[in-house]
Structure formats: structure tokens, C-alpha cells
């Protein structure tokens, strides 16, 4: 089964308030087995636009990724994030098919 991912791009307007969101999102992320693959490191926009912070979070499958986002615990965290930042979040299903070079 393919994994599920959150891909988020965020501009943080109030870093102190954003810390409350980070503390609150730890609860649902633990509950749903989230694993950070990218967490705000340096990013280079080679095409299109990018926000100041890019985050990629892996879940065991797309259903779990959706359940985490829709959980009451994460919805409470969102309430802390909305006044501290502007962003985009996409939930996407991973790909388990053939890869370049597969024979």
C-alpha cells in the first residue's frame, strides 16, 4: 500500500505564536504515526513559487494522512496556526509503481 504525505508551504508571520501550533501538532502527529521527511530546511524555487518554509510529513497511507488532518486534535492545532502563518497544505498519495531504470 502506498504511503500518504502532507506537503505544506508556510510563511510564518508571528514566530512566537507559531510555537504554540508546533507544540499542539505534536499530539496528533504522534497519534497517527507522522514522520517528518522535510521540516523547513533551505529550499530553492527552481520553477514557480515557494513559501519560506516547506514541510513534508509521511504517514503509513493516505487514509491515515487524511484522518490526522481531520482529527479534533489537529483541528485544534490549526486554530493556533491560522493567526500566526499563511500556508498551503496538500495531502497526496505516494507512488509504488515502476521507476526509471526498472527492468
PDB file of N, CA and C in Angstrom:
ATOM      1  N   UNK A   1       0.842  -1.183   0.000  1.00  0.00           N
ATOM      2  CA  UNK A   1       0.000   0.000   0.000  1.00  0.00           C
ATOM      3  C   UNK A   1       0.885   1.244   0.000  1.00  0.00           C
ATOM      4  N   UNK A   2       0.539   2.214  -0.822  1.00  0.00           N
ATOM      5  CA  UNK A   2       1.306   3.455  -0.928  1.00  0.00           C
ATOM      6  C   UNK A   2       1.153   4.297   0.336  1.00  0.00           C
ATOM      7  N   UNK A   3       2.212   4.987   0.678  1.00  0.00           N
ATOM      8  CA  UNK A   3       2.182   5.887   1.830  1.00  0.00           C
ATOM      9  C   UNK A   3       1.397   7.136   1.484  1.00  0.00           C
ATOM     10  N   UNK A   4       1.045   7.894   2.523  1.00  0.00           N
ATOM     11  CA  UNK A   4       0.377   9.178   2.352  1.00  0.00           C
ATOM     12  C   UNK A   4       1.289  10.279   2.847  1.00  0.00           C
ATOM     13  N   UNK A   5       1.149  11.457   2.252  1.00  0.00           N
ATOM     14  CA  UNK A   5       2.026  12.573   2.594  1.00  0.00           C
ATOM     15  C   UNK A   5       1.240  13.860   2.743  1.00  0.00           C
ATOM     16  N   UNK A   6       1.688  14.698   3.651  1.00  0.00           N
ATOM     17  CA  UNK A   6       1.280  16.089   3.694  1.00  0.00           C
ATOM     18  C   UNK A   6       2.438  16.868   3.094  1.00  0.00           C
ATOM     19  N   UNK A   7       2.133  17.787   2.196  1.00  0.00           N
ATOM     20  CA  UNK A   7       3.117  18.723   1.694  1.00  0.00           C
ATOM     21  C   UNK A   7       2.585  20.104   2.043  1.00  0.00           C
ATOM     22  N   UNK A   8       3.352  20.818   2.844  1.00  0.00           N
ATOM     23  CA  UNK A   8       2.923  22.139   3.300  1.00  0.00           C
ATOM     24  C   UNK A   8       3.969  23.185   2.944  1.00  0.00           C
ATOM     25  N   UNK A   9       3.495  24.344   2.539  1.00  0.00           N
ATOM     26  CA  UNK A   9       4.351  25.511   2.334  1.00  0.00           C
ATOM     27  C   UNK A   9       3.776  26.617   3.205  1.00  0.00           C
ATOM     28  N   UNK A  10       4.630  27.227   4.017  1.00  0.00           N
ATOM     29  CA  UNK A  10       4.151  28.148   5.035  1.00  0.00           C
ATOM     30  C   UNK A  10       5.028  29.396   5.092  1.00  0.00           C
ATOM     31  N   UNK A  11       4.391  30.535   5.267  1.00  0.00           N
ATOM     32  CA  UNK A  11       5.060  31.781   5.636  1.00  0.00           C
ATOM     33  C   UNK A  11       4.620  32.091   7.057  1.00  0.00           C
ATOM     34  N   UNK A  12       5.567  32.208   7.961  1.00  0.00           N
ATOM     35  CA  UNK A  12       5.265  32.449   9.370  1.00  0.00           C
ATOM     36  C   UNK A  12       5.330  33.951   9.638  1.00  0.00           C
ATOM     37  N   UNK A  13       4.200  34.509  10.083  1.00  0.00           N
ATOM     38  CA  UNK A  13       4.132  35.930  10.385  1.00  0.00           C
ATOM     39  C   UNK A  13       4.440  36.249  11.835  1.00  0.00           C
ATOM     40  N   UNK A  14       4.131  35.311  12.731  1.00  0.00           N
ATOM     41  CA  UNK A  14       4.342  35.511  14.169  1.00  0.00           C
ATOM     42  C   UNK A  14       5.040  34.272  14.728  1.00  0.00           C
ATOM     43  N   UNK A  15       6.382  34.272  14.727  1.00  0.00           N
ATOM     44  CA  UNK A  15       7.130  33.087  15.166  1.00  0.00           C
ATOM     45  C   UNK A  15       6.812  32.641  16.602  1.00  0.00           C
ATOM     46  N   UNK A  16       6.561  33.564  17.491  1.00  0.00           N
ATOM     47  CA  UNK A  16       6.253  33.184  18.883  1.00  0.00           C
ATOM     48  C   UNK A  16       4.912  32.463  18.959  1.00  0.00           C
ATOM     49  N   UNK A  17       3.907  32.980  18.284  1.00  0.00           N
ATOM     50  CA  UNK A  17       2.595  32.323  18.277  1.00  0.00           C
ATOM     51  C   UNK A  17       2.661  30.984  17.547  1.00  0.00           C
ATOM     52  N   UNK A  18       3.496  30.888  16.524  1.00  0.00           N
ATOM     53  CA  UNK A  18       3.628  29.644  15.759  1.00  0.00           C
ATOM     54  C   UNK A  18       4.164  28.505  16.630  1.00  0.00           C
ATOM     55  N   UNK A  19       4.954  28.837  17.637  1.00  0.00           N
ATOM     56  CA  UNK A  19       5.483  27.818  18.557  1.00  0.00           C
ATOM     57  C   UNK A  19       4.355  27.066  19.263  1.00  0.00           C
ATOM     58  N   UNK A  20       3.257  27.741  19.551  1.00  0.00           N
ATOM     59  CA  UNK A  20       2.110  27.073  20.182  1.00  0.00           C
ATOM     60  C   UNK A  20       1.505  26.044  19.235  1.00  0.00           C
ATOM     61  N   UNK A  21       1.450  26.360  17.950  1.00  0.00           N
ATOM     62  CA  UNK A  21       0.960  25.405  16.951  1.00  0.00           C
ATOM     63  C   UNK A  21       1.874  24.184  16.886  1.00  0.00           C
ATOM     64  N   UNK A  22       3.172  24.403  16.850  1.00  0.00           N
ATOM     65  CA  UNK A  22       4.135  23.292  16.781  1.00  0.00           C
ATOM     66  C   UNK A  22       3.973  22.380  17.994  1.00  0.00           C
ATOM     67  N   UNK A  23       3.805  22.960  19.173  1.00  0.00           N
ATOM     68  CA  UNK A  23       3.605  22.146  20.383  1.00  0.00           C
ATOM     69  C   UNK A  23       2.298  21.365  20.298  1.00  0.00           C
ATOM     70  N   UNK A  24       1.239  21.988  19.789  1.00  0.00           N
ATOM     71  CA  UNK A  24      -0.068  21.332  19.718  1.00  0.00           C
ATOM     72  C   UNK A  24      -0.112  20.251  18.644  1.00  0.00           C
ATOM     73  N   UNK A  25       0.598  20.439  17.526  1.00  0.00           N
ATOM     74  CA  UNK A  25       0.507  19.431  16.465  1.00  0.00           C
ATOM     75  C   UNK A  25       1.262  18.150  16.810  1.00  0.00           C
ATOM     76  N   UNK A  26       2.121  18.212  17.810  1.00  0.00           N
ATOM     77  CA  UNK A  26       2.862  17.010  18.215  1.00  0.00           C
ATOM     78  C   UNK A  26       1.924  15.896  18.680  1.00  0.00           C
ATOM     79  N   UNK A  27       0.819  16.255  19.292  1.00  0.00           N
ATOM     80  CA  UNK A  27      -0.125  15.251  19.813  1.00  0.00           C
ATOM     81  C   UNK A  27      -0.738  14.439  18.672  1.00  0.00           C
ATOM     82  N   UNK A  28      -1.411  15.062  17.691  1.00  0.00           N
ATOM     83  CA  UNK A  28      -1.978  14.246  16.613  1.00  0.00           C
ATOM     84  C   UNK A  28      -0.904  13.575  15.756  1.00  0.00           C
ATOM     85  N   UNK A  29       0.233  14.216  15.558  1.00  0.00           N
ATOM     86  CA  UNK A  29       1.287  13.584  14.768  1.00  0.00           C
ATOM     87  C   UNK A  29       1.756  12.290  15.430  1.00  0.00           C
ATOM     88  N   UNK A  30       1.881  12.305  16.739  1.00  0.00           N
ATOM     89  CA  UNK A  30       2.252  11.074  17.466  1.00  0.00           C
ATOM     90  C   UNK A  30       1.143  10.029  17.331  1.00  0.00           C
ATOM     91  N   UNK A  31      -0.108  10.464  17.504  1.00  0.00           N
ATOM     92  CA  UNK A  31      -1.256   9.546  17.444  1.00  0.00           C
ATOM     93  C   UNK A  31      -1.345   8.833  16.097  1.00  0.00           C
ATOM     94  N   UNK A  32      -0.996   9.522  15.016  1.00  0.00           N
ATOM     95  CA  UNK A  32      -1.177   8.976  13.669  1.00  0.00           C
ATOM     96  C   UNK A  32       0.131   8.522  13.022  1.00  0.00           C
ATOM     97  N   UNK A  33       1.207   8.470  13.803  1.00  0.00           N
ATOM     98  CA  UNK A  33       2.469   7.927  13.308  1.00  0.00           C
ATOM     99  C   UNK A  33       3.150   8.779  12.247  1.00  0.00           C
ATOM    100  N   UNK A  34       2.989  10.096  12.334  1.00  0.00           N
ATOM    101  CA  UNK A  34       3.604  11.001  11.358  1.00  0.00           C
ATOM    102  C   UNK A  34       5.125  10.951  11.456  1.00  0.00           C
ATOM    103  N   UNK A  35       5.771  11.107  10.311  1.00  0.00           N
ATOM    104  CA  UNK A  35       7.233  11.125  10.247  1.00  0.00           C
ATOM    105  C   UNK A  35       7.651  12.287   9.345  1.00  0.00           C
ATOM    106  N   UNK A  36       8.422  13.234   9.912  1.00  0.00           N
ATOM    107  CA  UNK A  36       8.890  14.364   9.117  1.00  0.00           C
ATOM    108  C   UNK A  36       9.982  13.904   8.158  1.00  0.00           C
ATOM    109  N   UNK A  37       9.808  14.217   6.871  1.00  0.00           N
ATOM    110  CA  UNK A  37      10.842  13.974   5.869  1.00  0.00           C
ATOM    111  C   UNK A  37      11.561  15.270   5.522  1.00  0.00           C
ATOM    112  N   UNK A  38      10.816  16.369   5.538  1.00  0.00           N
ATOM    113  CA  UNK A  38      11.359  17.709   5.318  1.00  0.00           C
ATOM    114  C   UNK A  38      10.701  18.587   6.369  1.00  0.00           C
ATOM    115  N   UNK A  39      11.514  19.406   7.043  1.00  0.00           N
ATOM    116  CA  UNK A  39      10.946  20.248   8.096  1.00  0.00           C
ATOM    117  C   UNK A  39      11.591  21.635   8.094  1.00  0.00           C
ATOM    118  N   UNK A  40      11.331  22.369   7.004  1.00  0.00           N
ATOM    119  CA  UNK A  40      11.719  23.766   6.973  1.00  0.00           C
ATOM    120  C   UNK A  40      13.168  24.064   6.668  1.00  0.00           C
ATOM    121  N   UNK A  41      13.895  23.132   6.075  1.00  0.00           N
ATOM    122  CA  UNK A  41      15.273  23.409   5.699  1.00  0.00           C
ATOM    123  C   UNK A  41      15.337  24.367   4.519  1.00  0.00           C
ATOM    124  N   UNK A  42      16.539  24.706   4.109  1.00  0.00           N
ATOM    125  CA  UNK A  42      16.685  25.613   2.964  1.00  0.00           C
ATOM    126  C   UNK A  42      15.985  25.044   1.722  1.00  0.00           C
ATOM    127  N   UNK A  43      15.296  25.903   0.992  1.00  0.00           N
ATOM    128  CA  UNK A  43      14.583  25.491  -0.211  1.00  0.00           C
ATOM    129  C   UNK A  43      14.929  26.445  -1.345  1.00  0.00           C
ATOM    130  N   UNK A  44      14.978  25.916  -2.536  1.00  0.00           N
ATOM    131  CA  UNK A  44      15.263  26.711  -3.724  1.00  0.00           C
ATOM    132  C   UNK A  44      14.127  26.511  -4.719  1.00  0.00           C
ATOM    133  N   UNK A  45      13.480  27.580  -5.092  1.00  0.00           N
ATOM    134  CA  UNK A  45      12.422  27.509  -6.107  1.00  0.00           C
ATOM    135  C   UNK A  45      13.087  27.537  -7.482  1.00  0.00           C
ATOM    136  N   UNK A  46      13.127  26.392  -8.148  1.00  0.00           N
ATOM    137  CA  UNK A  46      13.707  26.331  -9.483  1.00  0.00           C
ATOM    138  C   UNK A  46      12.652  26.563 -10.566  1.00  0.00           C
ATOM    139  N   UNK A  47      11.390  26.408 -10.191  1.00  0.00           N
ATOM    140  CA  UNK A  47      10.250  26.760 -11.047  1.00  0.00           C
ATOM    141  C   UNK A  47       9.114  27.176 -10.122  1.00  0.00           C
ATOM    142  N   UNK A  48       8.376  28.188 -10.513  1.00  0.00           N
ATOM    143  CA  UNK A  48       7.231  28.610  -9.717  1.00  0.00           C
ATOM    144  C   UNK A  48       7.634  29.306  -8.432  1.00  0.00           C
ATOM    145  N   UNK A  49       6.741  29.246  -7.459  1.00  0.00           N
ATOM    146  CA  UNK A  49       6.916  29.957  -6.198  1.00  0.00           C
ATOM    147  C   UNK A  49       7.048  28.984  -5.040  1.00  0.00           C
ATOM    148  N   UNK A  50       7.705  29.427  -4.004  1.00  0.00           N
ATOM    149  CA  UNK A  50       7.820  28.644  -2.782  1.00  0.00           C
ATOM    150  C   UNK A  50       7.684  29.603  -1.600  1.00  0.00           C
ATOM    151  N   UNK A  51       7.062  29.136  -0.557  1.00  0.00           N
ATOM    152  CA  UNK A  51       6.970  29.935   0.670  1.00  0.00           C
ATOM    153  C   UNK A  51       8.262  29.740   1.463  1.00  0.00           C
ATOM    154  N   UNK A  52       8.388  30.453   2.566  1.00  0.00           N
ATOM    155  CA  UNK A  52       9.642  30.445   3.322  1.00  0.00           C
ATOM    156  C   UNK A  52       9.911  29.117   4.030  1.00  0.00           C
ATOM    157  N   UNK A  53       8.881  28.321   4.270  1.00  0.00           N
ATOM    158  CA  UNK A  53       9.055  27.053   4.985  1.00  0.00           C
ATOM    159  C   UNK A  53       8.316  25.950   4.231  1.00  0.00           C
ATOM    160  N   UNK A  54       9.013  24.861   3.934  1.00  0.00           N
ATOM    161  CA  UNK A  54       8.419  23.706   3.262  1.00  0.00           C
ATOM    162  C   UNK A  54       8.507  22.522   4.223  1.00  0.00           C
ATOM    163  N   UNK A  55       7.403  21.782   4.350  1.00  0.00           N
ATOM    164  CA  UNK A  55       7.337  20.632   5.246  1.00  0.00           C
ATOM    165  C   UNK A  55       6.719  19.465   4.484  1.00  0.00           C
ATOM    166  N   UNK A  56       7.333  18.283   4.606  1.00  0.00           N
ATOM    167  CA  UNK A  56       6.777  17.053   4.043  1.00  0.00           C
ATOM    168  C   UNK A  56       6.694  16.048   5.188  1.00  0.00           C
ATOM    169  N   UNK A  57       5.478  15.534   5.408  1.00  0.00           N
ATOM    170  CA  UNK A  57       5.232  14.587   6.501  1.00  0.00           C
ATOM    171  C   UNK A  57       4.694  13.300   5.905  1.00  0.00           C
ATOM    172  N   UNK A  58       5.269  12.176   6.319  1.00  0.00           N
ATOM    173  CA  UNK A  58       4.885  10.859   5.811  1.00  0.00           C
ATOM    174  C   UNK A  58       3.980  10.141   6.808  1.00  0.00           C
ATOM    175  N   UNK A  59       2.961   9.455   6.262  1.00  0.00           N
ATOM    176  CA  UNK A  59       2.045   8.608   7.041  1.00  0.00           C
ATOM    177  C   UNK A  59       2.018   7.224   6.402  1.00  0.00           C
ATOM    178  N   UNK A  60       1.530   6.236   7.129  1.00  0.00           N
ATOM    179  CA  UNK A  60       1.550   4.861   6.598  1.00  0.00           C
ATOM    180  C   UNK A  60       0.722   4.711   5.329  1.00  0.00           C
ATOM    181  N   UNK A  61      -0.323   5.544   5.165  1.00  0.00           N
ATOM    182  CA  UNK A  61      -1.136   5.530   3.944  1.00  0.00           C
ATOM    183  C   UNK A  61      -1.916   6.841   3.870  1.00  0.00           C
ATOM    184  N   UNK A  62      -2.550   7.074   2.749  1.00  0.00           N
ATOM    185  CA  UNK A  62      -3.257   8.341   2.547  1.00  0.00           C
ATOM    186  C   UNK A  62      -4.470   8.460   3.469  1.00  0.00           C
ATOM    187  N   UNK A  63      -5.106   7.341   3.805  1.00  0.00           N
ATOM    188  CA  UNK A  63      -6.249   7.395   4.724  1.00  0.00           C
ATOM    189  C   UNK A  63      -5.819   7.905   6.093  1.00  0.00           C
ATOM    190  N   UNK A  64      -4.649   7.461   6.548  1.00  0.00           N
ATOM    191  CA  UNK A  64      -4.135   7.920   7.841  1.00  0.00           C
ATOM    192  C   UNK A  64      -3.765   9.397   7.772  1.00  0.00           C
ATOM    193  N   UNK A  65      -3.201   9.832   6.658  1.00  0.00           N
ATOM    194  CA  UNK A  65      -2.871  11.250   6.481  1.00  0.00           C
ATOM    195  C   UNK A  65      -4.132  12.105   6.564  1.00  0.00           C
ATOM    196  N   UNK A  66      -5.189  11.664   5.916  1.00  0.00           N
ATOM    197  CA  UNK A  66      -6.458  12.402   5.954  1.00  0.00           C
ATOM    198  C   UNK A  66      -7.062  12.388   7.361  1.00  0.00           C
ATOM    199  N   UNK A  67      -7.023  11.226   8.012  1.00  0.00           N
ATOM    200  CA  UNK A  67      -7.590  11.112   9.360  1.00  0.00           C
ATOM    201  C   UNK A  67      -6.863  12.029  10.342  1.00  0.00           C
ATOM    202  N   UNK A  68      -5.563  12.133  10.213  1.00  0.00           N
ATOM    203  CA  UNK A  68      -4.800  13.020  11.090  1.00  0.00           C
ATOM    204  C   UNK A  68      -5.252  14.462  10.882  1.00  0.00           C
ATOM    205  N   UNK A  69      -5.331  14.888   9.625  1.00  0.00           N
ATOM    206  CA  UNK A  69      -5.730  16.272   9.336  1.00  0.00           C
ATOM    207  C   UNK A  69      -7.124  16.574   9.885  1.00  0.00           C
ATOM    208  N   UNK A  70      -8.030  15.634   9.754  1.00  0.00           N
ATOM    209  CA  UNK A  70      -9.433  15.846  10.154  1.00  0.00           C
ATOM    210  C   UNK A  70      -9.681  15.595  11.638  1.00  0.00           C
ATOM    211  N   UNK A  71      -8.690  15.104  12.357  1.00  0.00           N
ATOM    212  CA  UNK A  71      -8.873  14.769  13.775  1.00  0.00           C
ATOM    213  C   UNK A  71      -9.152  16.023  14.605  1.00  0.00           C
ATOM    214  N   UNK A  72      -9.916  15.878  15.680  1.00  0.00           N
ATOM    215  CA  UNK A  72     -10.168  17.024  16.562  1.00  0.00           C
ATOM    216  C   UNK A  72      -8.863  17.623  17.115  1.00  0.00           C
ATOM    217  N   UNK A  73      -7.893  16.765  17.354  1.00  0.00           N
ATOM    218  CA  UNK A  73      -6.620  17.236  17.906  1.00  0.00           C
ATOM    219  C   UNK A  73      -5.881  18.136  16.907  1.00  0.00           C
ATOM    220  N   UNK A  74      -5.883  17.748  15.630  1.00  0.00           N
ATOM    221  CA  UNK A  74      -5.197  18.595  14.657  1.00  0.00           C
ATOM    222  C   UNK A  74      -6.024  19.836  14.340  1.00  0.00           C
ATOM    223  N   UNK A  75      -7.333  19.711  14.317  1.00  0.00           N
ATOM    224  CA  UNK A  75      -8.163  20.889  14.082  1.00  0.00           C
ATOM    225  C   UNK A  75      -7.945  21.942  15.170  1.00  0.00           C
ATOM    226  N   UNK A  76      -7.719  21.511  16.402  1.00  0.00           N
ATOM    227  CA  UNK A  76      -7.393  22.454  17.482  1.00  0.00           C
ATOM    228  C   UNK A  76      -6.051  23.127  17.217  1.00  0.00           C
ATOM    229  N   UNK A  77      -5.095  22.378  16.686  1.00  0.00           N
ATOM    230  CA  UNK A  77      -3.785  22.953  16.356  1.00  0.00           C
ATOM    231  C   UNK A  77      -3.922  23.983  15.238  1.00  0.00           C
ATOM    232  N   UNK A  78      -4.753  23.693  14.249  1.00  0.00           N
ATOM    233  CA  UNK A  78      -4.965  24.632  13.142  1.00  0.00           C
ATOM    234  C   UNK A  78      -5.420  25.994  13.669  1.00  0.00           C
ATOM    235  N   UNK A  79      -6.272  25.991  14.663  1.00  0.00           N
ATOM    236  CA  UNK A  79      -6.756  27.248  15.228  1.00  0.00           C
ATOM    237  C   UNK A  79      -5.602  28.100  15.747  1.00  0.00           C
ATOM    238  N   UNK A  80      -4.548  27.471  16.217  1.00  0.00           N
ATOM    239  CA  UNK A  80      -3.369  28.205  16.687  1.00  0.00           C
ATOM    240  C   UNK A  80      -2.512  28.689  15.530  1.00  0.00           C
ATOM    241  N   UNK A  81      -2.522  27.951  14.446  1.00  0.00           N
ATOM    242  CA  UNK A  81      -1.674  28.273  13.292  1.00  0.00           C
ATOM    243  C   UNK A  81      -2.213  29.421  12.455  1.00  0.00           C
ATOM    244  N   UNK A  82      -3.512  29.529  12.303  1.00  0.00           N
ATOM    245  CA  UNK A  82      -4.092  30.445  11.325  1.00  0.00           C
ATOM    246  C   UNK A  82      -3.763  31.911  11.581  1.00  0.00           C
ATOM    247  N   UNK A  83      -3.644  32.311  12.820  1.00  0.00           N
ATOM    248  CA  UNK A  83      -3.298  33.707  13.108  1.00  0.00           C
ATOM    249  C   UNK A  83      -1.792  33.943  13.091  1.00  0.00           C
ATOM    250  N   UNK A  84      -1.011  32.892  13.053  1.00  0.00           N
ATOM    251  CA  UNK A  84       0.445  33.025  13.111  1.00  0.00           C
ATOM    252  C   UNK A  84       1.113  32.834  11.759  1.00  0.00           C
ATOM    253  N   UNK A  85       0.377  32.316  10.771  1.00  0.00           N
ATOM    254  CA  UNK A  85       1.020  31.986   9.498  1.00  0.00           C
ATOM    255  C   UNK A  85      -0.002  31.941   8.363  1.00  0.00           C
ATOM    256  N   UNK A  86       0.539  31.890   7.154  1.00  0.00           N
ATOM    257  CA  UNK A  86      -0.250  31.693   5.942  1.00  0.00           C
ATOM    258  C   UNK A  86       0.371  30.521   5.207  1.00  0.00           C
ATOM    259  N   UNK A  87      -0.439  29.605   4.740  1.00  0.00           N
ATOM    260  CA  UNK A  87       0.164  28.462   4.070  1.00  0.00           C
ATOM    261  C   UNK A  87      -0.795  27.669   3.215  1.00  0.00           C
ATOM    262  N   UNK A  88      -0.214  26.663   2.597  1.00  0.00           N
ATOM    263  CA  UNK A  88      -0.944  25.726   1.756  1.00  0.00           C
ATOM    264  C   UNK A  88      -0.573  24.321   2.217  1.00  0.00           C
ATOM    265  N   UNK A  89      -1.574  23.451   2.339  1.00  0.00           N
ATOM    266  CA  UNK A  89      -1.340  22.062   2.727  1.00  0.00           C
ATOM    267  C   UNK A  89      -2.036  21.170   1.716  1.00  0.00           C
ATOM    268  N   UNK A  90      -1.304  20.188   1.207  1.00  0.00           N
ATOM    269  CA  UNK A  90      -1.845  19.217   0.260  1.00  0.00           C
ATOM    270  C   UNK A  90      -1.619  17.833   0.839  1.00  0.00           C
ATOM    271  N   UNK A  91      -2.625  16.975   0.757  1.00  0.00           N
ATOM    272  CA  UNK A  91      -2.470  15.565   1.117  1.00  0.00           C
ATOM    273  C   UNK A  91      -2.408  14.795  -0.185  1.00  0.00           C
ATOM    274  N   UNK A  92      -1.383  13.966  -0.325  1.00  0.00           N
ATOM    275  CA  UNK A  92      -1.169  13.245  -1.578  1.00  0.00           C
ATOM    276  C   UNK A  92      -0.822  11.787  -1.286  1.00  0.00           C
ATOM    277  N   UNK A  93      -1.278  10.915  -2.153  1.00  0.00           N
ATOM    278  CA  UNK A  93      -0.945   9.500  -2.058  1.00  0.00           C
ATOM    279  C   UNK A  93       0.399   9.260  -2.720  1.00  0.00           C
ATOM    280  N   UNK A  94       1.241   8.462  -2.071  1.00  0.00           N
ATOM    281  CA  UNK A  94       2.538   8.111  -2.631  1.00  0.00           C
ATOM    282  C   UNK A  94       2.397   7.209  -3.850  1.00  0.00           C
ATOM    283  N   UNK A  95       3.528   6.918  -4.467  1.00  0.00           N
ATOM    284  CA  UNK A  95       3.558   6.125  -5.701  1.00  0.00           C
ATOM    285  C   UNK A  95       4.420   4.898  -5.479  1.00  0.00           C
ATOM    286  N   UNK A  96       3.873   3.721  -5.771  1.00  0.00           N
ATOM    287  CA  UNK A  96       4.592   2.450  -5.615  1.00  0.00           C
ATOM    288  C   UNK A  96       4.858   1.756  -6.937  1.00  0.00           C
ATOM    289  N   UNK A  97       4.647   2.436  -8.051  1.00  0.00           N
ATOM    290  CA  UNK A  97       4.779   1.795  -9.362  1.00  0.00           C
ATOM    291  C   UNK A  97       6.217   1.736  -9.871  1.00  0.00           C
ATOM    292  N   UNK A  98       6.361   1.374 -11.127  1.00  0.00           N
ATOM    293  CA  UNK A  98       7.697   1.263 -11.735  1.00  0.00           C
ATOM    294  C   UNK A  98       8.460   2.578 -11.666  1.00  0.00           C
ATOM    295  N   UNK A  99       9.764   2.463 -11.569  1.00  0.00           N
ATOM    296  CA  UNK A  99      10.651   3.611 -11.502  1.00  0.00           C
ATOM    297  C   UNK A  99      11.569   3.636 -12.722  1.00  0.00           C
ATOM    298  N   UNK A 100      12.100   4.807 -13.053  1.00  0.00           N
ATOM    299  CA  UNK A 100      13.051   4.861 -14.157  1.00  0.00           C
ATOM    300  C   UNK A 100      14.191   3.876 -13.928  1.00  0.00           C
ATOM    301  N   UNK A 101      14.533   3.136 -14.952  1.00  0.00           N
ATOM    302  CA  UNK A 101      15.606   2.162 -14.821  1.00  0.00           C
ATOM    303  C   UNK A 101      15.151   0.777 -14.398  1.00  0.00           C
ATOM    304  N   UNK A 102      13.867   0.637 -13.970  1.00  0.00           N
ATOM    305  CA  UNK A 102      13.366  -0.700 -13.632  1.00  0.00           C
ATOM    306  C   UNK A 102      13.294  -1.529 -14.912  1.00  0.00           C
ATOM    307  N   UNK A 103      13.743  -2.746 -14.831  1.00  0.00           N
ATOM    308  CA  UNK A 103      13.810  -3.602 -15.998  1.00  0.00           C
ATOM    309  C   UNK A 103      12.549  -4.242 -16.350  1.00  0.00           C
TER     310      UNK A 103
END
